[in-house]
C-alpha atoms as a PDB file:
ATOM      1  CA  LYS A   1     -76.792 174.669 170.531  1.00  0.00           C
ATOM      2  CA  GLU A   2     -76.834 171.284 171.885  1.00  0.00           C
ATOM      3  CA  SER A   3     -77.150 170.071 168.386  1.00  0.00           C
ATOM      4  CA  ASP A   4     -74.016 171.985 167.497  1.00  0.00           C
ATOM      5  CA  LEU A   5     -72.272 170.407 170.462  1.00  0.00           C
ATOM      6  CA  ALA A   6     -73.431 166.925 169.477  1.00  0.00           C
ATOM      7  CA  ASP A   7     -72.415 167.648 165.915  1.00  0.00           C
ATOM      8  CA  MET A   8     -68.991 168.798 167.128  1.00  0.00           C
ATOM      9  CA  LYS A   9     -68.645 165.671 169.277  1.00  0.00           C
ATOM     10  CA  ASN A  10     -69.524 163.517 166.256  1.00  0.00           C
ATOM     11  CA  LYS A  11     -67.012 165.379 164.119  1.00  0.00           C
ATOM     12  CA  ALA A  12     -64.370 165.061 166.865  1.00  0.00           C
ATOM     13  CA  SER A  13     -65.147 161.361 167.228  1.00  0.00           C
ATOM     14  CA  ALA A  14     -64.952 160.858 163.446  1.00  0.00           C
ATOM     15  CA  TYR A  15     -61.729 162.856 163.422  1.00  0.00           C
ATOM     16  CA  GLU A  16     -60.228 160.711 166.232  1.00  0.00           C
ATOM     17  CA  SER A  17     -61.407 157.582 164.450  1.00  0.00           C
ATOM     18  CA  LYS A  18     -59.736 158.787 161.251  1.00  0.00           C
ATOM     19  CA  ILE A  19     -56.536 159.573 163.197  1.00  0.00           C
ATOM     20  CA  ALA A  20     -56.568 156.075 164.741  1.00  0.00           C
ATOM     21  CA  GLU A  21     -57.096 154.541 161.303  1.00  0.00           C
ATOM     22  CA  LEU A  22     -54.217 156.578 159.842  1.00  0.00           C
ATOM     23  CA  GLU A  23     -51.954 155.621 162.758  1.00  0.00           C
ATOM     24  CA  MET A  24     -52.836 151.956 162.201  1.00  0.00           C
ATOM     25  CA  LEU A  25     -52.049 152.307 158.472  1.00  0.00           C
ATOM     26  CA  LEU A  26     -48.801 154.068 159.342  1.00  0.00           C
ATOM     27  CA  GLN A  27     -47.888 151.234 161.731  1.00  0.00           C
ATOM     28  CA  GLN A  28     -48.664 148.637 159.026  1.00  0.00           C
ATOM     29  CA  GLU A  29     -46.510 150.565 156.563  1.00  0.00           C
ATOM     30  CA  ARG A  30     -43.616 150.623 159.085  1.00  0.00           C
ATOM     31  CA  HIS A  31     -43.893 146.848 159.558  1.00  0.00           C
ATOM     32  CA  ALA A  32     -44.031 146.339 155.796  1.00  0.00           C
ATOM     33  CA  ARG A  33     -40.912 148.513 155.330  1.00  0.00           C
ATOM     34  CA  GLU A  34     -39.071 146.655 158.102  1.00  0.00           C
ATOM     35  CA  SER A  35     -40.057 143.326 156.556  1.00  0.00           C
ATOM     36  CA  LEU A  36     -38.935 144.558 153.135  1.00  0.00           C
ATOM     37  CA  GLN A  37     -35.605 145.733 154.573  1.00  0.00           C
ATOM     38  CA  LYS A  38     -35.056 142.360 156.286  1.00  0.00           C
ATOM     39  CA  SER A  39     -35.853 140.558 153.038  1.00  0.00           C
ATOM     40  CA  GLN A  40     -33.471 142.804 151.088  1.00  0.00           C
ATOM     41  CA  ASP A  41     -30.730 142.229 153.673  1.00  0.00           C
ATOM     42  CA  LYS A  42     -31.319 138.481 153.513  1.00  0.00           C
ATOM     43  CA  LEU A  43     -31.212 138.584 149.709  1.00  0.00           C
ATOM     44  CA  ALA A  44     -27.968 140.577 149.767  1.00  0.00           C
ATOM     45  CA  GLU A  45     -26.436 138.036 152.181  1.00  0.00           C
ATOM     46  CA  MET A  46     -27.576 135.129 150.019  1.00  0.00           C
ATOM     47  CA  ASN A  47     -26.121 136.820 146.922  1.00  0.00           C
ATOM     48  CA  ARG A  48     -22.837 137.365 148.763  1.00  0.00           C
ATOM     49  CA  LYS A  49     -22.698 133.705 149.831  1.00  0.00           C
ATOM     50  CA  LEU A  50     -23.599 132.555 146.341  1.00  0.00           C
ATOM     51  CA  LYS A  51     -20.825 134.703 144.893  1.00  0.00           C
ATOM     52  CA  GLU A  52     -18.333 133.228 147.397  1.00  0.00           C
ATOM     53  CA  GLU A  53     -19.467 129.680 146.629  1.00  0.00           C
ATOM     54  CA  THR A  54     -19.270 130.352 142.911  1.00  0.00           C
ATOM     55  CA  ALA A  55     -15.752 131.726 143.320  1.00  0.00           C
ATOM     56  CA  ALA A  56     -14.766 128.720 145.439  1.00  0.00           C
ATOM     57  CA  SER A  57     -16.342 126.407 142.887  1.00  0.00           C
ATOM     58  CA  ALA A  58     -14.462 128.137 140.078  1.00  0.00           C
ATOM     59  CA  GLU A  59     -11.220 127.874 142.050  1.00  0.00           C
ATOM     60  CA  GLU A  60     -11.848 124.176 142.644  1.00  0.00           C
ATOM     61  CA  ARG A  61     -12.679 123.660 138.970  1.00  0.00           C
ATOM     62  CA  ASN A  62      -9.499 125.509 137.948  1.00  0.00           C
ATOM     63  CA  ARG A  63      -7.448 123.485 140.437  1.00  0.00           C
ATOM     64  CA  LEU A  64      -8.871 120.223 139.103  1.00  0.00           C
ATOM     65  CA  MET A  65      -8.263 121.287 135.501  1.00  0.00           C
ATOM     66  CA  ALA A  66      -4.657 122.191 136.343  1.00  0.00           C
ATOM     67  CA  GLN A  67      -4.221 118.857 138.084  1.00  0.00           C
ATOM     68  CA  ARG A  68      -5.732 117.049 135.086  1.00  0.00           C
ATOM     69  CA  ASP A  69      -3.411 118.929 132.720  1.00  0.00           C
ATOM     70  CA  GLU A  70      -0.415 118.016 134.874  1.00  0.00           C
ATOM     71  CA  VAL A  71      -1.400 114.350 134.809  1.00  0.00           C
ATOM     72  CA  GLN A  72      -1.851 114.533 131.031  1.00  0.00           C
ATOM     73  CA  ARG A  73       1.651 116.006 130.706  1.00  0.00           C
ATOM     74  CA  GLU A  74       3.015 113.209 132.900  1.00  0.00           C
ATOM     75  CA  VAL A  75       1.205 110.613 130.785  1.00  0.00           C
ATOM     76  CA  GLU A  76       2.669 112.092 127.601  1.00  0.00           C
ATOM     77  CA  ALA A  77       6.135 112.173 129.167  1.00  0.00           C
ATOM     78  CA  GLN A  78       5.717 108.542 130.210  1.00  0.00           C
ATOM     79  CA  LYS A  79       4.648 107.604 126.682  1.00  0.00           C
ATOM     80  CA  VAL A  80       7.772 109.276 125.293  1.00  0.00           C
ATOM     81  CA  ALA A  81       9.930 107.533 127.896  1.00  0.00           C
ATOM     82  CA  MET A  82       8.289 104.200 127.106  1.00  0.00           C
ATOM     83  CA  ALA A  83       8.894 104.673 123.391  1.00  0.00           C
ATOM     84  CA  LYS A  84      12.533 105.463 124.158  1.00  0.00           C
ATOM     85  CA  LYS A  85      12.826 102.361 126.350  1.00  0.00           C
ATOM     86  CA  GLU A  86      11.196 100.258 123.620  1.00  0.00           C
ATOM     87  CA  ALA A  87      13.756 101.569 121.135  1.00  0.00           C
ATOM     88  CA  GLU A  88      16.580 100.767 123.570  1.00  0.00           C
ATOM     89  CA  LYS A  89      15.149  97.290 124.092  1.00  0.00           C
ATOM     90  CA  ALA A  90      14.898  96.699 120.342  1.00  0.00           C
ATOM     91  CA  GLN A  91      18.479  97.926 119.934  1.00  0.00           C
ATOM     92  CA  ALA A  92      19.713  95.627 122.718  1.00  0.00           C
ATOM     93  CA  GLU A  93      17.814  92.684 121.241  1.00  0.00           C
ATOM     94  CA  ALA A  94      19.299  93.423 117.808  1.00  0.00           C
ATOM     95  CA  GLU A  95      22.768  93.608 119.363  1.00  0.00           C
ATOM     96  CA  LEU A  96      22.183  90.296 121.120  1.00  0.00           C
ATOM     97  CA  ARG A  97      20.934  88.746 117.880  1.00  0.00           C
ATOM     98  CA  ARG A  98      24.036  90.035 115.994  1.00  0.00           C
ATOM     99  CA  MET A  99      26.295  88.653 118.694  1.00  0.00           C
ATOM    100  CA  ARG A 100      24.604  85.260 118.528  1.00  0.00           C
ATOM    101  CA  GLU A 101      24.889  85.230 114.735  1.00  0.00           C
ATOM    102  CA  LYS A 102      28.536  86.243 115.016  1.00  0.00           C
ATOM    103  CA  HIS A 103      29.093  83.555 117.629  1.00  0.00           C
ATOM    104  CA  ASP A 104      27.405  80.922 115.479  1.00  0.00           C
ATOM    105  CA  ALA A 105      29.411  82.013 112.414  1.00  0.00           C
ATOM    106  CA  LYS A 106      32.688  81.853 114.364  1.00  0.00           C
ATOM    107  CA  HIS A 107      31.738  78.506 115.802  1.00  0.00           C
ATOM    108  CA  LYS A 108      31.119  77.113 112.295  1.00  0.00           C
ATOM    109  CA  SER A 109      34.394  78.535 110.960  1.00  0.00           C
ATOM    110  CA  GLN A 110      36.338  76.990 113.828  1.00  0.00           C
ATOM    111  CA  VAL A 111      35.417  73.501 112.719  1.00  0.00           C
ATOM    112  CA  ASN A 112      38.509  73.752 110.459  1.00  0.00           C
ATOM    113  CA  GLY A 113      40.683  73.950 113.597  1.00  0.00           C
ATOM    114  CA  SER A 114      41.815  77.538 113.185  1.00  0.00           C
ATOM    115  CA  GLY A 115      42.361  78.934 116.672  1.00  0.00           C
ATOM    116  CA  ASP A 116      41.540  78.101 120.217  1.00  0.00           C
ATOM    117  CA  ALA A 117      37.794  77.343 120.137  1.00  0.00           C
ATOM    118  CA  ALA A 118      37.374  77.237 123.914  1.00  0.00           C
ATOM    119  CA  SER A 119      38.756  80.746 124.528  1.00  0.00           C
ATOM    120  CA  GLN A 120      36.712  82.248 121.663  1.00  0.00           C
ATOM    121  CA  ASP A 121      33.534  80.593 122.982  1.00  0.00           C
ATOM    122  CA  ASP A 122      34.236  81.985 126.433  1.00  0.00           C
ATOM    123  CA  GLU A 123      34.744  85.464 125.000  1.00  0.00           C
ATOM    124  CA  SER A 124      31.494  85.331 122.988  1.00  0.00           C
ATOM    125  CA  GLU A 125      29.547  84.095 125.991  1.00  0.00           C
ATOM    126  CA  ALA A 126      31.008  86.879 128.127  1.00  0.00           C
ATOM    127  CA  LYS A 127      29.855  89.488 125.592  1.00  0.00           C
ATOM    128  CA  GLU A 128      26.376  87.942 125.494  1.00  0.00           C
ATOM    129  CA  LEU A 129      26.181  88.005 129.273  1.00  0.00           C
ATOM    130  CA  GLU A 130      27.049  91.715 129.234  1.00  0.00           C
ATOM    131  CA  VAL A 131      24.132  92.439 126.890  1.00  0.00           C
ATOM    132  CA  ILE A 132      21.543  90.273 128.681  1.00  0.00           C
ATOM    133  CA  PRO A 133      21.532  92.315 131.935  1.00  0.00           C
ATOM    134  CA  ASN A 134      21.117  95.472 129.848  1.00  0.00           C
ATOM    135  CA  VAL A 135      18.093  93.925 128.151  1.00  0.00           C
ATOM    136  CA  ARG A 136      16.687  92.911 131.528  1.00  0.00           C
ATOM    137  CA  ARG A 137      17.221  96.403 132.955  1.00  0.00           C
ATOM    138  CA  THR A 138      15.582  97.933 129.900  1.00  0.00           C
ATOM    139  CA  GLU A 139      12.619  95.558 130.227  1.00  0.00           C
ATOM    140  CA  GLU A 140      12.298  96.308 133.958  1.00  0.00           C
ATOM    141  CA  SER A 141      12.355 100.036 133.219  1.00  0.00           C
ATOM    142  CA  ARG A 142       9.710  99.567 130.546  1.00  0.00           C
ATOM    143  CA  VAL A 143       7.464  97.550 132.875  1.00  0.00           C
ATOM    144  CA  THR A 144       7.858 100.207 135.567  1.00  0.00           C
ATOM    145  CA  ALA A 145       7.045 102.939 133.049  1.00  0.00           C
ATOM    146  CA  VAL A 146       3.973 101.035 131.833  1.00  0.00           C
ATOM    147  CA  SER A 147       2.788 100.602 135.419  1.00  0.00           C
ATOM    148  CA  LYS A 148       3.299 104.301 136.153  1.00  0.00           C
ATOM    149  CA  ASN A 149       1.545 105.226 132.902  1.00  0.00           C
ATOM    150  CA  GLU A 150      -1.454 103.071 133.832  1.00  0.00           C
ATOM    151  CA  THR A 151      -1.566 104.708 137.258  1.00  0.00           C
ATOM    152  CA  LEU A 152      -1.486 108.164 135.669  1.00  0.00           C
ATOM    153  CA  GLN A 153      -4.187 107.162 133.165  1.00  0.00           C
ATOM    154  CA  THR A 154      -6.400 106.013 136.060  1.00  0.00           C
ATOM    155  CA  LYS A 155      -5.728 109.244 137.939  1.00  0.00           C
ATOM    156  CA  LEU A 156      -6.570 111.270 134.819  1.00  0.00           C
ATOM    157  CA  ALA A 157      -9.817 109.350 134.335  1.00  0.00           C
ATOM    158  CA  ASN A 158     -10.755 110.016 137.966  1.00  0.00           C
ATOM    159  CA  LEU A 159     -10.102 113.732 137.547  1.00  0.00           C
ATOM    160  CA  LYS A 160     -12.349 113.945 134.507  1.00  0.00           C
END
């Protein structure tokens, strides 16, 4: 019966060895699960951050597009204003030209001695002097509008 006892001890030893092996495998599985859980948590956090960054990026992109659109509207408004100023300038120049022609025609007709030439010349010059500042103001407004338009064009190019 010693052989039975030795056999039992061998079986018990094999059984304990098997238990130790299973416990080791169980421990490895726990570590693997913990590692997997940490990786999944890290992935979830990275996805959350990526989503936030994407949203922030989209907001920034939308903000820049809105800013670009605003600048484009300003540029178009400036172009319209410049065209209007150009038309005013052309009108003032035409008025000045008509006044000069009228002045020259009156001056030629006064050679016959009909009327006081000095007072008519003074009156014509006074009318011309009224128109000239208007032309200057129109030109200054146009130059300012051109400068602002160029600034807006540069700003628009930078936004693109």
